[in-house]
Each structure stands twice: as structure tokens, then as C-alpha cells.
Amino acid sequence: MSVESHALGVLLPSFRGPELPPAWARLLQDGLGGICLFGSNLTGSIGDARALTDAVRRARPDALVAVDEEGGDVTRLHARTGSPVLGAAQLGAVDDLALTAAAGRAVAADLVAAGVDLDLGPVADVNSNPDNPVIGTRSFGSDPIHVSRHVAAWTGALQAAGVAACVKHFPGHGSTAQDSHLTLPVIGASAAEIRARELPPFRAAVEAAVAAVMTSHIAVPALDPDLPATLSTAVLRVLRHELGYDGAIVSDALDMAGVSAGRGIPEAAVLALVAGADLLCVGPDKDPSLVREIQQAIVDAVRSGRLREERLADAVARTSRIRRPVPAEPVVGDVGTAMAEAARRALIVERQVPDLTGARVVTISTPANIAVGEVPWGIPPDVVVAPGAELPAGPVVVQVRDAHRHPDVSAMLATLPEGALVIEWGWPGPRTGWEDRQIARICTRGSSRPVVAAVEEIVRKAGWHR
């Protein structure tokens, strides 16, 4: 293969819309490594998704197709209706490894039907910072050993059912207070703290023979004082040498500010390859011209000597080994009943739920992080208000996400009458600003169809109806 073909073979970008554009078919025919599907590519129909992946493979039979399908808050296939399986924080709270494995198998069943090879999940981050704006409910928990057990169970089940897994975001995004989509977060922990807290779930995934590991766009000064993890030879050497990982290293999306701000996507792509990354995720809704710019930057880097041709060929080889494994376990049975029962156990109910006869459901609208996207969450509301707005009079059920991170939302909750109910759909943080109020709260640890149904069951028993 030529350098030009290799330079395309390490790229995993995405286009706009639910159909494969002709220019993207030509990119695939020229050697593009694969396509990552995002919400704009999917209609909510598994059949439509399969038609799209079939079109990709008509253009290039060995193209890789990837998607973010974590369950819970992060779902692409079910973005219009909510995930049918519990999310990581909900599974971690129930702490039943058989249930976590069942969730992985259920996700695999959908992805196999949709023609997807690689799931960009599960999240192996330990959410040790309750103010984390981007991980939160996507994590199995705040204890590294607990998270490790569930990461291994979910990964093993997904791969046994026929889909390659990609754990993320190495070396660990859980202790940050910033979103790497928007800026470069910094982990100020020592190298010893990182090894003790962040690395165990990734080690567990490597021991479970995970197919791929995704890097994070975070600064880890204890390991590299200069470059973010995705661009750091020192950080990726920890994965290769300390954890003994020999599979494909996948970058998080290179259009994120944490890696490309100030240097541009093509330069970030070159630096990631030099550092040791193999497959470069580019992000959603891109023009084919950007893919060609990245390709040319990689070719130029090889010809100038910045990037060794052998390193590029090695990246292509590792990427080519990511394929859907032959299922070792058939996906049988309906997991819906198990998920519904577990959803009830995942809930935290604080104080007695009041009489909700005649109550209206009010959602305080706060933007989701980019990884989650603007998807339905919670009970369909009667009223949606902005943070800082006046809440309607009368009995209310108030839905929030991560209220403790939004002072204006906490201030609104401090004005609620005693007979109100708050439903926290984000990470179950403290009642900052309204800790002394005798108001009932239900914490769900994220939104998924089974948990929405479990919450509706509680409020109906309290008199709410629609």
C-alpha cells in the first residue's frame, strides 16, 4: 500500500446525514480506515443503520464501522427514545456483574444487527470528582476496584457477543473538572495517585483482551509536562509497557478543543501518530475536504521525516486487526425484565415522597455535555424552564441534571415548597444551597428507559397521573 493509502487507513471520521455521500464513498474506495456513526447519521431505526453500514461496506468491504453506544445517557442507536439498558452508574450502583454482562450483550445484539464492528465503550474512567462535567453517570463509580470489575464484565460480554470494545478515556478522565470537548483539562495528581486510582480499570480491560483503548485529551503533568495524553509518547508508553497492551490505540475525536485548539486537526493527527496512536477519530459532520487535509498532513510528515513510515504502517496494521469477533456466546432472551427490576434498585429515594395529586412535571433545562448530546431524558415534562426562571405555582415534580454544579438551579430548588419532589437525573451530588430543606429527592444516576419507568412507578403511587 502507498503512503497516501496508509494515511487514509488510520482515519475514522464521520459525515452529515443518514446516507453515504458519493465523496465519502470515494474516500472509502481510496483506503479510508472507517466511519464513526454519530447521532446525525442515525434515525432511530436499526434497519436504517444497517442500510448505512451496508453502503459503507459496498464502498470498502473491510471498512471499520464504530459508534458510541454506552447505554444509559450515551446512546446513538436509541437517541430518540432512550437506551433500553441501564447506564454505567446505574449498573455500578446495583453491583450485579451478571446484570452488567447482560447489558453488554444487549448492546452487542443491537450493534451486530446494525452492522457495527467497534463500540466506543465502555467508559473505564473512575468518577472521583462529583463535579466532573463530562464523565459523571457514564462511569461505573468512584472506586477503582469496583469500576474495574464492571469494566471487565461489560467488555467481556460485549466482545463475546460479537462486537469489539474500546475502553476510554486513557489514562483516566474521571477526576477532572473541565470538559475536554471545550478545553484542556488538567489532572494535578501525582504519578503514584494516577497509577492507584485511574489505571486499574484499564489494566482490567487489558486483561479481558479488550480490542481497543481510547486516549483522552487531558494534561497529565506528572507523566508529561508538555503534551496532552493523546499526543504524549510518555503517556502512551504507560499503556504499552506498564499495562502490557498490544492492541489498537484509538484517539478521542480530534476536533475537540483539548487536543486541536491552537494547532489544528491535521497537526494533531500527525502528533498523535508520532506518539503511538493508531486510529484517529475525527468527529461528526465533517466535510471530505478536511479528511483530505489530514491525509496530506500525514503524507507530508512521512516525507519530511517527522513521522516514520514504519510507525504509520504499524498503525494501519493494528487498526486492521479491529474487527467484529466471531460470537462465542449467543445473545438469547429478553433482558427487559432484569433491567426493569434492577432500575428500581438503582434509585436513591431521600425522604418520603409527598402526595403528588395534581402535580405538574417541570424540567429545568441545562445543556447536556457533547458526549451525551441533546437527547430525551427523564419523564416527559409538562413545563420546561430555564435556569433562574420562576417555577410554576402548585404541586410540582422538578427534574434536574447535576443540580449541584449549577448555582442558579440550586437557587431555584431552595424556593420550592415542602410538598415538592426533586428528581436528580445526573450524578447524585450534594443538595448545595438547599441542604436544609425537607424536600424529597429521587436520584437516578442517569436516564434510561428502565429507570424512567421505575421513577414513573414511584410518582404514580404518590398520586401523579397523566
Protein backbone atom coordinates (compact mmCIF):
# COMPACT_ATOMS: atom_id res chain seq x y z
CA MET A 1 0.00 0.00 0.00
CA SER A 2 1.13 3.56 -0.67
CA VAL A 3 1.82 6.19 1.96
CA GLU A 4 -1.27 8.04 0.70
CA SER A 5 -3.43 4.96 1.25
CA HIS A 6 -1.92 4.35 4.69
CA ALA A 7 -2.59 7.96 5.64
CA LEU A 8 -6.30 7.38 4.99
CA GLY A 9 -6.28 3.96 6.60
CA VAL A 10 -5.69 5.38 10.10
CA LEU A 11 -8.66 7.79 9.99
CA LEU A 12 -12.13 7.31 11.49
CA PRO A 13 -14.20 10.41 10.59
CA SER A 14 -17.91 10.96 10.00
CA PHE A 15 -20.14 12.79 7.53
CA ARG A 16 -23.51 14.51 7.80
CA GLY A 17 -26.80 12.71 7.39
CA PRO A 18 -28.15 9.15 7.26
CA GLU A 19 -26.90 8.29 3.75
CA LEU A 20 -23.37 7.76 2.47
CA PRO A 21 -22.41 10.74 0.24
CA PRO A 22 -20.58 9.96 -3.04
CA ALA A 23 -17.45 11.85 -1.96
CA TRP A 24 -17.25 9.66 1.16
CA ALA A 25 -17.70 6.52 -0.91
CA ARG A 26 -14.65 7.64 -2.91
CA LEU A 27 -12.67 8.17 0.30
CA LEU A 28 -13.52 4.64 1.35
CA GLN A 29 -12.52 3.26 -2.04
CA ASP A 30 -9.20 5.10 -1.70
CA GLY A 31 -8.49 3.38 1.63
CA LEU A 32 -10.29 5.31 4.40
CA GLY A 33 -9.99 3.25 7.59
CA GLY A 34 -13.62 3.50 8.55
CA ILE A 35 -16.59 5.57 9.62
CA CYS A 36 -17.74 6.54 13.11
CA LEU A 37 -21.51 6.93 13.29
CA PHE A 38 -22.95 9.80 15.32
CA GLY A 39 -26.47 10.95 16.07
CA SER A 40 -26.81 12.86 12.80
CA ASN A 41 -26.20 9.62 10.87
CA LEU A 42 -28.87 7.59 12.68
CA THR A 43 -32.65 7.78 12.52
CA GLY A 44 -33.53 5.58 15.49
CA SER A 45 -34.17 2.60 13.22
CA ILE A 46 -31.80 -0.39 13.39
CA GLY A 47 -32.81 -1.17 9.80
CA ASP A 48 -31.76 2.29 8.62
CA ALA A 49 -28.46 1.92 10.45
CA ARG A 50 -27.87 -1.42 8.74
CA ALA A 51 -28.63 0.08 5.35
CA LEU A 52 -25.99 2.74 6.01
CA THR A 53 -23.34 0.29 7.19
CA ASP A 54 -24.08 -1.93 4.18
CA ALA A 55 -23.48 1.09 1.92
CA VAL A 56 -20.16 1.74 3.67
CA ARG A 57 -19.06 -1.83 3.02
CA ARG A 58 -20.14 -1.76 -0.59
CA ALA A 59 -17.66 1.08 -0.97
CA ARG A 60 -14.99 -0.77 1.03
CA PRO A 61 -15.73 -4.30 2.30
CA ASP A 62 -13.14 -4.16 5.12
CA ALA A 63 -14.03 -0.68 6.37
CA LEU A 64 -14.40 -0.38 10.13
CA VAL A 65 -17.69 0.99 11.48
CA ALA A 66 -17.73 2.39 15.02
CA VAL A 67 -20.27 4.09 17.28
CA ASP A 68 -20.61 5.39 20.85
CA GLU A 69 -23.17 3.07 22.44
CA GLU A 70 -22.59 3.08 26.20
CA GLY A 71 -26.14 2.51 27.39
CA GLY A 72 -27.85 4.93 29.73
CA ASP A 73 -27.24 8.57 28.90
CA VAL A 74 -24.98 7.93 25.89
CA THR A 75 -26.81 6.17 23.10
CA ARG A 76 -26.72 6.79 19.37
CA LEU A 77 -28.96 3.96 18.14
CA HIS A 78 -31.71 4.88 20.62
CA ALA A 79 -31.15 8.63 20.82
CA ARG A 80 -34.81 9.41 20.13
CA THR A 81 -36.30 7.09 22.75
CA GLY A 82 -33.59 6.48 25.35
CA SER A 83 -31.43 3.44 25.91
CA PRO A 84 -33.20 0.17 26.74
CA VAL A 85 -30.33 -0.81 29.08
CA LEU A 86 -29.09 0.77 32.27
CA GLY A 87 -26.13 3.11 32.08
CA ALA A 88 -22.81 2.53 33.79
CA ALA A 89 -23.55 4.44 37.02
CA GLN A 90 -26.86 2.61 37.40
CA LEU A 91 -25.19 -0.77 36.81
CA GLY A 92 -22.42 0.12 39.22
CA ALA A 93 -24.96 1.03 41.90
CA VAL A 94 -26.77 -2.29 41.55
CA ASP A 95 -23.38 -4.05 41.57
CA ASP A 96 -24.51 -7.27 39.91
CA LEU A 97 -21.82 -8.39 37.46
CA ALA A 98 -24.23 -10.75 35.71
CA LEU A 99 -26.53 -7.79 35.04
CA THR A 100 -23.62 -5.69 33.78
CA ALA A 101 -22.66 -8.51 31.42
CA ALA A 102 -26.29 -8.76 30.27
CA ALA A 103 -26.22 -5.05 29.42
CA GLY A 104 -23.07 -5.57 27.36
CA ARG A 105 -24.67 -8.47 25.50
CA ALA A 106 -27.85 -6.48 24.83
CA VAL A 107 -25.84 -3.59 23.40
CA ALA A 108 -23.90 -6.06 21.24
CA ALA A 109 -27.12 -7.55 19.87
CA ASP A 110 -28.23 -4.14 18.61
CA LEU A 111 -24.82 -3.34 17.16
CA VAL A 112 -24.49 -6.67 15.37
CA ALA A 113 -27.92 -6.10 13.84
CA ALA A 114 -26.84 -2.60 12.78
CA GLY A 115 -23.61 -3.87 11.21
CA VAL A 116 -21.26 -2.10 13.66
CA ASP A 117 -17.80 -3.56 14.34
CA LEU A 118 -16.49 -1.39 17.18
CA ASP A 119 -18.28 0.07 20.18
CA LEU A 120 -16.52 3.09 21.65
CA GLY A 121 -17.25 1.90 25.16
CA PRO A 122 -17.38 1.13 27.98
CA VAL A 123 -16.13 4.11 29.97
CA ALA A 124 -13.29 2.98 32.26
CA ASP A 125 -12.93 6.35 33.99
CA VAL A 126 -13.25 6.44 37.78
CA ASN A 127 -15.56 9.36 38.53
CA SER A 128 -13.72 10.52 41.64
CA ASN A 129 -14.76 14.16 41.17
CA PRO A 130 -18.53 14.68 41.64
CA ASP A 131 -18.25 17.98 39.76
CA ASN A 132 -16.95 16.25 36.62
CA PRO A 133 -18.96 17.76 33.75
CA VAL A 134 -18.30 15.11 31.09
CA ILE A 135 -17.95 11.67 32.77
CA GLY A 136 -20.39 11.53 35.71
CA THR A 137 -23.10 8.93 35.11
CA ARG A 138 -21.08 7.39 32.28
CA SER A 139 -18.77 5.88 34.92
CA PHE A 140 -19.44 2.71 36.90
CA GLY A 141 -18.49 4.56 40.07
CA SER A 142 -15.89 6.33 42.16
CA ASP A 143 -13.88 3.36 43.44
CA PRO A 144 -11.21 1.96 41.07
CA ILE A 145 -11.60 -1.69 42.08
CA HIS A 146 -15.39 -1.51 41.77
CA VAL A 147 -15.11 0.15 38.35
CA SER A 148 -12.53 -2.43 37.24
CA ARG A 149 -14.87 -5.34 37.92
CA HIS A 150 -17.71 -3.84 35.92
CA VAL A 151 -15.49 -2.70 33.04
CA ALA A 152 -14.18 -6.24 32.67
CA ALA A 153 -17.69 -7.74 32.81
CA TRP A 154 -19.19 -5.33 30.25
CA THR A 155 -16.19 -5.60 27.92
CA GLY A 156 -16.04 -9.38 28.04
CA ALA A 157 -19.76 -9.77 27.39
CA LEU A 158 -19.81 -7.29 24.51
CA GLN A 159 -16.90 -8.98 22.76
CA ALA A 160 -18.18 -12.49 23.41
CA ALA A 161 -21.43 -11.46 21.70
CA GLY A 162 -19.65 -10.27 18.56
CA VAL A 163 -18.64 -6.59 18.89
CA ALA A 164 -15.17 -5.21 19.57
CA ALA A 165 -14.91 -2.93 22.63
CA CYS A 166 -12.90 0.26 23.07
CA VAL A 167 -12.46 1.33 26.69
CA LYS A 168 -11.96 5.03 27.33
CA HIS A 169 -10.51 7.61 28.17
CA PHE A 170 -6.90 6.64 28.96
CA PRO A 171 -5.22 7.40 31.33
CA GLY A 172 -8.45 8.43 33.07
CA HIS A 173 -10.79 11.44 32.75
CA GLY A 174 -12.74 10.89 35.97
CA SER A 175 -11.00 13.33 38.31
CA THR A 176 -11.23 16.36 36.02
CA ALA A 177 -13.45 19.40 36.48
CA GLN A 178 -13.44 20.50 32.83
CA ASP A 179 -14.83 19.07 29.59
CA SER A 180 -12.13 18.18 27.03
CA HIS A 181 -14.58 18.92 24.21
CA LEU A 182 -14.24 22.58 25.21
CA THR A 183 -10.80 22.99 26.80
CA LEU A 184 -7.73 21.07 28.02
CA PRO A 185 -8.47 19.63 31.48
CA VAL A 186 -5.53 19.10 33.83
CA ILE A 187 -5.10 16.23 36.29
CA GLY A 188 -2.92 17.54 39.09
CA ALA A 189 -2.45 14.16 40.78
CA SER A 190 0.94 12.57 41.30
CA ALA A 191 2.10 9.66 39.17
CA ALA A 192 1.53 7.34 42.13
CA GLU A 193 -2.04 8.59 42.59
CA ILE A 194 -2.76 8.14 38.88
CA ARG A 195 -1.45 4.59 38.94
CA ALA A 196 -3.52 3.74 42.01
CA ARG A 197 -6.78 5.48 41.06
CA GLU A 198 -7.03 5.86 37.28
CA LEU A 199 -5.19 2.87 35.82
CA PRO A 200 -6.77 -0.22 37.47
CA PRO A 201 -9.88 -0.30 35.22
CA PHE A 202 -7.70 -0.04 32.11
CA ARG A 203 -5.49 -2.84 33.42
CA ALA A 204 -8.62 -4.94 33.95
CA ALA A 205 -9.74 -4.23 30.38
CA VAL A 206 -6.35 -5.24 29.00
CA GLU A 207 -6.55 -8.48 30.99
CA ALA A 208 -10.02 -9.00 29.47
CA ALA A 209 -8.42 -8.80 25.98
CA VAL A 210 -10.12 -5.54 25.03
CA ALA A 211 -9.84 -4.83 21.31
CA ALA A 212 -9.04 -1.11 21.57
CA VAL A 213 -8.25 1.64 24.08
CA MET A 214 -9.20 5.28 23.53
CA THR A 215 -6.99 8.12 24.69
CA SER A 216 -8.16 11.29 26.44
CA HIS A 217 -7.38 14.89 25.60
CA ILE A 218 -6.24 15.79 29.10
CA ALA A 219 -2.99 17.15 30.51
CA VAL A 220 -1.22 14.88 33.00
CA PRO A 221 1.82 16.88 34.15
CA ALA A 222 3.03 14.05 36.39
CA LEU A 223 3.52 11.91 33.27
CA ASP A 224 4.14 14.56 30.60
CA PRO A 225 4.54 18.26 31.45
CA ASP A 226 4.08 19.43 27.87
CA LEU A 227 1.55 17.48 25.78
CA PRO A 228 -1.99 16.17 26.28
CA ALA A 229 -2.30 12.40 26.68
CA THR A 230 -3.34 11.73 23.09
CA LEU A 231 -0.16 13.39 21.82
CA SER A 232 2.17 12.11 24.53
CA THR A 233 4.65 9.32 23.89
CA ALA A 234 5.25 9.14 27.64
CA VAL A 235 1.57 8.60 28.47
CA LEU A 236 1.00 6.04 25.72
CA ARG A 237 4.17 4.23 26.80
CA VAL A 238 2.45 3.59 30.16
CA LEU A 239 -0.35 1.82 28.29
CA ARG A 240 2.01 -0.19 26.10
CA HIS A 241 4.73 -1.08 28.60
CA GLU A 242 3.29 -0.87 32.11
CA LEU A 243 -0.13 -2.34 31.24
CA GLY A 244 1.24 -4.60 28.50
CA TYR A 245 -1.33 -3.54 25.92
CA ASP A 246 -0.56 -4.59 22.35
CA GLY A 247 -3.82 -3.74 20.57
CA ALA A 248 -5.04 -0.64 18.78
CA ILE A 249 -4.88 2.76 20.45
CA VAL A 250 -7.75 4.99 19.28
CA SER A 251 -7.73 8.74 19.76
CA ASP A 252 -10.73 10.58 21.09
CA ALA A 253 -12.19 12.92 18.46
CA LEU A 254 -9.51 15.26 17.14
CA ASP A 255 -11.95 18.13 16.64
CA MET A 256 -12.16 18.50 20.43
CA ALA A 257 -10.54 21.63 21.83
CA GLY A 258 -8.48 19.65 24.31
CA VAL A 259 -6.24 18.38 21.52
CA SER A 260 -6.59 20.58 18.43
CA ALA A 261 -7.12 24.10 19.82
CA GLY A 262 -4.19 26.24 18.72
CA ARG A 263 -2.68 23.58 16.46
CA GLY A 264 -5.50 22.40 14.17
CA ILE A 265 -6.82 18.93 13.43
CA PRO A 266 -4.25 17.89 10.77
CA GLU A 267 -1.30 18.73 13.05
CA ALA A 268 -2.98 16.96 15.99
CA ALA A 269 -3.36 13.88 13.77
CA VAL A 270 0.36 13.84 12.94
CA LEU A 271 1.40 14.31 16.58
CA ALA A 272 -0.97 11.54 17.73
CA LEU A 273 0.56 9.08 15.27
CA VAL A 274 4.08 10.06 16.29
CA ALA A 275 3.13 9.49 19.95
CA GLY A 276 1.84 6.00 19.23
CA ALA A 277 -1.88 6.28 18.49
CA ASP A 278 -3.12 4.01 15.71
CA LEU A 279 -6.66 5.02 14.72
CA LEU A 280 -7.68 8.68 14.71
CA CYS A 281 -11.29 9.57 15.40
CA VAL A 282 -12.04 12.92 13.76
CA GLY A 283 -15.58 13.78 14.92
CA PRO A 284 -19.08 14.21 13.44
CA ASP A 285 -20.46 16.11 10.46
CA LYS A 286 -17.16 16.69 8.67
CA ASP A 287 -16.52 17.67 5.06
CA PRO A 288 -14.45 15.31 2.88
CA SER A 289 -12.02 18.17 2.28
CA LEU A 290 -10.93 18.01 5.93
CA VAL A 291 -10.18 14.30 5.59
CA ARG A 292 -8.02 15.06 2.57
CA GLU A 293 -6.21 17.80 4.53
CA ILE A 294 -5.43 15.35 7.31
CA GLN A 295 -4.30 12.75 4.80
CA GLN A 296 -1.94 15.25 3.18
CA ALA A 297 -0.55 16.37 6.53
CA ILE A 298 0.29 12.75 7.39
CA VAL A 299 1.90 12.16 3.98
CA ASP A 300 3.94 15.35 4.33
CA ALA A 301 5.05 14.30 7.82
CA VAL A 302 6.32 10.98 6.47
CA ARG A 303 8.17 12.63 3.60
CA SER A 304 9.77 15.22 5.87
CA GLY A 305 10.88 12.61 8.39
CA ARG A 306 8.65 13.83 11.25
CA LEU A 307 6.68 10.57 11.13
CA ARG A 308 8.44 7.32 10.37
CA GLU A 309 6.82 5.32 7.57
CA GLU A 310 7.21 2.21 9.72
CA ARG A 311 5.17 3.85 12.51
CA LEU A 312 2.39 4.66 10.05
CA ALA A 313 2.40 1.12 8.67
CA ASP A 314 2.29 -0.26 12.22
CA ALA A 315 -0.74 1.92 12.98
CA VAL A 316 -2.51 0.60 9.87
CA ALA A 317 -1.72 -2.98 10.85
CA ARG A 318 -3.06 -2.55 14.37
CA THR A 319 -6.17 -0.83 13.06
CA SER A 320 -6.80 -3.61 10.55
CA ARG A 321 -6.98 -6.13 13.40
CA ILE A 322 -10.03 -4.40 14.92
CA ARG A 323 -12.94 -6.39 13.59
CA ARG A 324 -16.12 -7.83 14.98
CA PRO A 325 -15.11 -11.01 16.81
CA VAL A 326 -16.95 -14.21 15.97
CA PRO A 327 -19.60 -14.50 18.71
CA ALA A 328 -18.64 -17.02 21.36
CA GLU A 329 -21.96 -16.64 23.15
CA PRO A 330 -25.38 -16.38 21.52
CA VAL A 331 -27.44 -13.41 22.64
CA VAL A 332 -30.63 -15.01 23.86
CA GLY A 333 -33.64 -13.90 25.84
CA ASP A 334 -35.14 -10.56 26.69
CA VAL A 335 -33.18 -8.60 29.29
CA GLY A 336 -36.00 -6.10 29.72
CA THR A 337 -37.40 -7.72 32.87
CA ALA A 338 -33.98 -7.86 34.53
CA MET A 339 -33.29 -4.23 33.61
CA ALA A 340 -36.66 -3.09 34.96
CA GLU A 341 -36.11 -4.84 38.29
CA ALA A 342 -32.55 -3.53 38.57
CA ALA A 343 -33.70 0.01 37.73
CA ARG A 344 -35.73 0.10 40.94
CA ARG A 345 -32.67 -0.95 42.93
CA ALA A 346 -30.52 1.72 41.29
CA LEU A 347 -32.66 4.57 42.65
CA ILE A 348 -31.89 6.61 45.76
CA VAL A 349 -35.07 7.90 47.43
CA GLU A 350 -34.41 10.57 50.06
CA ARG A 351 -37.23 11.37 52.50
CA GLN A 352 -40.83 10.35 51.98
CA VAL A 353 -42.28 11.11 48.57
CA PRO A 354 -45.17 13.58 49.11
CA ASP A 355 -48.70 13.42 47.79
CA LEU A 356 -48.35 14.32 44.11
CA THR A 357 -52.02 14.51 43.19
CA GLY A 358 -52.37 17.18 40.51
CA ALA A 359 -48.60 17.78 40.30
CA ARG A 360 -47.05 19.02 37.09
CA VAL A 361 -43.64 17.83 35.89
CA VAL A 362 -41.23 20.73 35.42
CA THR A 363 -37.84 20.26 33.75
CA ILE A 364 -35.11 22.82 34.44
CA SER A 365 -33.26 22.76 31.16
CA THR A 366 -29.47 22.66 31.33
CA PRO A 367 -27.31 21.75 28.32
CA ALA A 368 -26.01 18.22 28.09
CA ASN A 369 -22.32 17.66 27.57
CA ILE A 370 -21.39 16.96 23.95
CA ALA A 371 -20.80 13.25 24.58
CA VAL A 372 -24.42 12.82 25.68
CA GLY A 373 -25.95 15.23 23.17
CA GLU A 374 -29.41 16.71 23.14
CA VAL A 375 -31.49 13.58 23.69
CA PRO A 376 -34.66 12.97 25.72
CA TRP A 377 -34.14 12.47 29.45
CA GLY A 378 -36.43 11.96 32.40
CA ILE A 379 -40.21 11.95 32.44
CA PRO A 380 -41.71 13.90 29.52
CA PRO A 381 -42.36 17.28 31.18
CA ASP A 382 -45.44 19.46 31.27
CA VAL A 383 -43.28 22.59 31.51
CA VAL A 384 -39.66 23.36 30.59
CA VAL A 385 -38.00 26.36 32.22
CA ALA A 386 -34.54 27.88 32.00
CA PRO A 387 -32.19 28.07 35.00
CA GLY A 388 -33.05 31.14 37.04
CA ALA A 389 -36.66 31.30 35.83
CA GLU A 390 -39.64 31.31 38.15
CA LEU A 391 -41.11 27.90 38.84
CA PRO A 392 -44.86 27.45 38.31
CA ALA A 393 -47.14 27.54 41.32
CA GLY A 394 -48.86 24.48 42.70
CA PRO A 395 -47.58 20.96 43.35
CA VAL A 396 -44.59 20.17 41.18
CA VAL A 397 -42.14 17.44 40.33
CA VAL A 398 -38.91 19.23 39.38
CA GLN A 399 -36.41 17.43 37.14
CA VAL A 400 -32.75 18.49 37.11
CA ARG A 401 -29.37 17.21 35.97
CA ASP A 402 -26.30 17.76 38.16
CA ALA A 403 -28.03 20.50 40.15
CA HIS A 404 -25.03 20.79 42.47
CA ARG A 405 -22.94 22.04 39.53
CA HIS A 406 -25.40 24.82 38.65
CA PRO A 407 -25.82 27.51 41.35
CA ASP A 408 -28.80 29.06 39.56
CA VAL A 409 -30.57 25.69 39.57
CA SER A 410 -29.78 25.13 43.26
CA ALA A 411 -31.18 28.59 44.00
CA MET A 412 -34.44 27.61 42.29
CA LEU A 413 -34.66 24.43 44.36
CA ALA A 414 -34.20 26.48 47.52
CA THR A 415 -37.54 28.21 46.77
CA LEU A 416 -39.59 25.00 46.44
CA PRO A 417 -42.49 24.38 48.82
CA GLU A 418 -42.19 21.44 51.19
CA GLY A 419 -44.59 19.27 49.16
CA ALA A 420 -42.44 19.28 46.04
CA LEU A 421 -40.37 16.40 44.69
CA VAL A 422 -36.96 16.81 43.03
CA ILE A 423 -35.71 14.18 40.60
CA GLU A 424 -31.97 14.34 40.03
CA TRP A 425 -31.12 12.63 36.72
CA GLY A 426 -27.40 13.36 36.88
CA TRP A 427 -24.65 12.34 39.27
CA PRO A 428 -26.15 12.28 42.81
CA GLY A 429 -24.33 15.27 44.23
CA PRO A 430 -24.96 17.22 47.44
CA ARG A 431 -28.03 19.43 47.97
CA THR A 432 -25.89 22.52 47.64
CA GLY A 433 -27.91 25.60 48.61
CA TRP A 434 -30.98 23.67 49.73
CA GLU A 435 -29.47 21.11 52.09
CA ASP A 436 -31.74 22.14 54.97
CA ARG A 437 -34.99 21.87 53.03
CA GLN A 438 -37.25 18.95 53.93
CA ILE A 439 -37.91 18.12 50.30
CA ALA A 440 -37.95 14.58 48.89
CA ARG A 441 -35.43 13.74 46.19
CA ILE A 442 -35.02 10.77 43.88
CA CYS A 443 -31.54 10.27 42.43
CA THR A 444 -31.45 8.12 39.29
CA ARG A 445 -27.77 8.13 38.27
CA GLY A 446 -28.66 8.91 34.66
CA SER A 447 -31.52 8.42 32.26
CA SER A 448 -32.50 5.18 30.54
CA ARG A 449 -35.86 3.75 29.60
CA PRO A 450 -35.98 1.25 32.50
CA VAL A 451 -35.11 3.94 35.06
CA VAL A 452 -37.66 6.40 33.64
CA ALA A 453 -40.28 3.66 34.03
CA ALA A 454 -39.16 2.98 37.61
CA VAL A 455 -39.43 6.67 38.53
CA GLU A 456 -42.86 6.95 36.91
CA GLU A 457 -43.98 3.99 39.00
CA ILE A 458 -42.97 5.79 42.20
CA VAL A 459 -44.66 9.08 41.35
CA ARG A 460 -47.84 7.35 40.19
CA LYS A 461 -48.08 5.55 43.52
CA ALA A 462 -47.83 9.02 45.11
CA GLY A 463 -50.87 10.26 43.18
CA TRP A 464 -49.34 11.71 39.98
CA HIS A 465 -51.05 10.78 36.77
CA ARG A 466 -51.15 11.87 33.18
